[in-house]
């Protein structure tokens, strides 16, 4: 299963999150490898950068 999050959904998620989870990337990251952000591109890049940091921490030498 792949979770695809689009701009309209992100706006809804932002409104429904409590103060601690103030940015949708926290919610998206809870889905782990089951999630893929298609747009907006800036959020997709944030998630990619975070995934690359995690891969580096866990010893992965190739991401993508």
Protein backbone atom coordinates (compact mmCIF):
# COMPACT_ATOMS: atom_id res chain seq x y z
CA UNK A 1 0.00 0.00 0.00
CA UNK A 2 1.30 3.46 -0.92
CA UNK A 3 -0.16 6.53 0.77
CA UNK A 4 -0.22 9.42 -1.67
CA UNK A 5 -0.64 12.85 -0.10
CA UNK A 6 -1.63 15.71 -2.37
CA UNK A 7 -1.84 19.46 -1.72
CA UNK A 8 -5.54 19.46 -0.88
CA UNK A 9 -5.07 16.64 1.63
CA UNK A 10 -2.11 18.39 3.23
CA UNK A 11 -4.27 21.45 3.90
CA UNK A 12 -6.84 19.25 5.64
CA UNK A 13 -4.15 17.46 7.64
CA UNK A 14 -2.63 20.77 8.79
CA UNK A 15 -6.01 21.88 10.16
CA UNK A 16 -6.64 18.63 12.02
CA UNK A 17 -3.26 18.27 13.74
CA UNK A 18 -2.64 19.39 17.30
CA UNK A 19 -0.04 22.04 18.19
CA UNK A 20 2.79 19.51 18.65
CA UNK A 21 2.46 18.20 15.12
CA UNK A 22 2.46 21.60 13.46
CA UNK A 23 3.80 20.41 10.11
CA UNK A 24 2.41 17.60 7.95
CA UNK A 25 5.81 15.92 7.56
CA UNK A 26 5.50 14.53 11.12
CA UNK A 27 2.26 12.81 10.16
CA UNK A 28 3.63 11.59 6.85
CA UNK A 29 6.75 10.13 8.49
CA UNK A 30 4.55 8.01 10.78
CA UNK A 31 3.64 6.02 7.66
CA UNK A 32 7.30 5.19 6.99
CA UNK A 33 8.03 3.52 3.67
CA UNK A 34 4.30 3.21 2.93
CA UNK A 35 4.03 6.96 2.21
CA UNK A 36 4.99 8.90 -0.88
CA UNK A 37 4.48 12.66 -1.20
CA UNK A 38 3.69 13.63 -4.78
CA UNK A 39 3.25 17.35 -4.22
CA UNK A 40 4.01 20.02 -3.25
CA UNK A 41 7.59 19.59 -4.36
CA UNK A 42 8.96 21.38 -1.30
CA UNK A 43 7.33 18.87 1.06
CA UNK A 44 8.49 15.98 -1.12
CA UNK A 45 12.06 17.30 -0.82
CA UNK A 46 11.76 17.66 2.98
CA UNK A 47 10.62 14.05 3.31
CA UNK A 48 13.37 12.86 0.95
CA UNK A 49 16.04 14.71 2.94
CA UNK A 50 14.76 13.20 6.20
CA UNK A 51 14.68 9.70 4.65
CA UNK A 52 18.26 10.13 3.45
CA UNK A 53 19.38 11.14 6.96
CA UNK A 54 17.65 8.07 8.39
CA UNK A 55 19.20 5.79 5.75
CA UNK A 56 22.62 7.18 6.60
CA UNK A 57 22.07 6.61 10.30
CA UNK A 58 21.06 2.99 9.73
CA UNK A 59 23.97 2.20 7.46
CA UNK A 60 22.33 2.35 4.02
CA UNK A 61 24.78 3.31 1.28
CA UNK A 62 22.24 3.91 -1.48
CA UNK A 63 18.89 5.67 -1.38
CA UNK A 64 16.66 5.77 -4.44
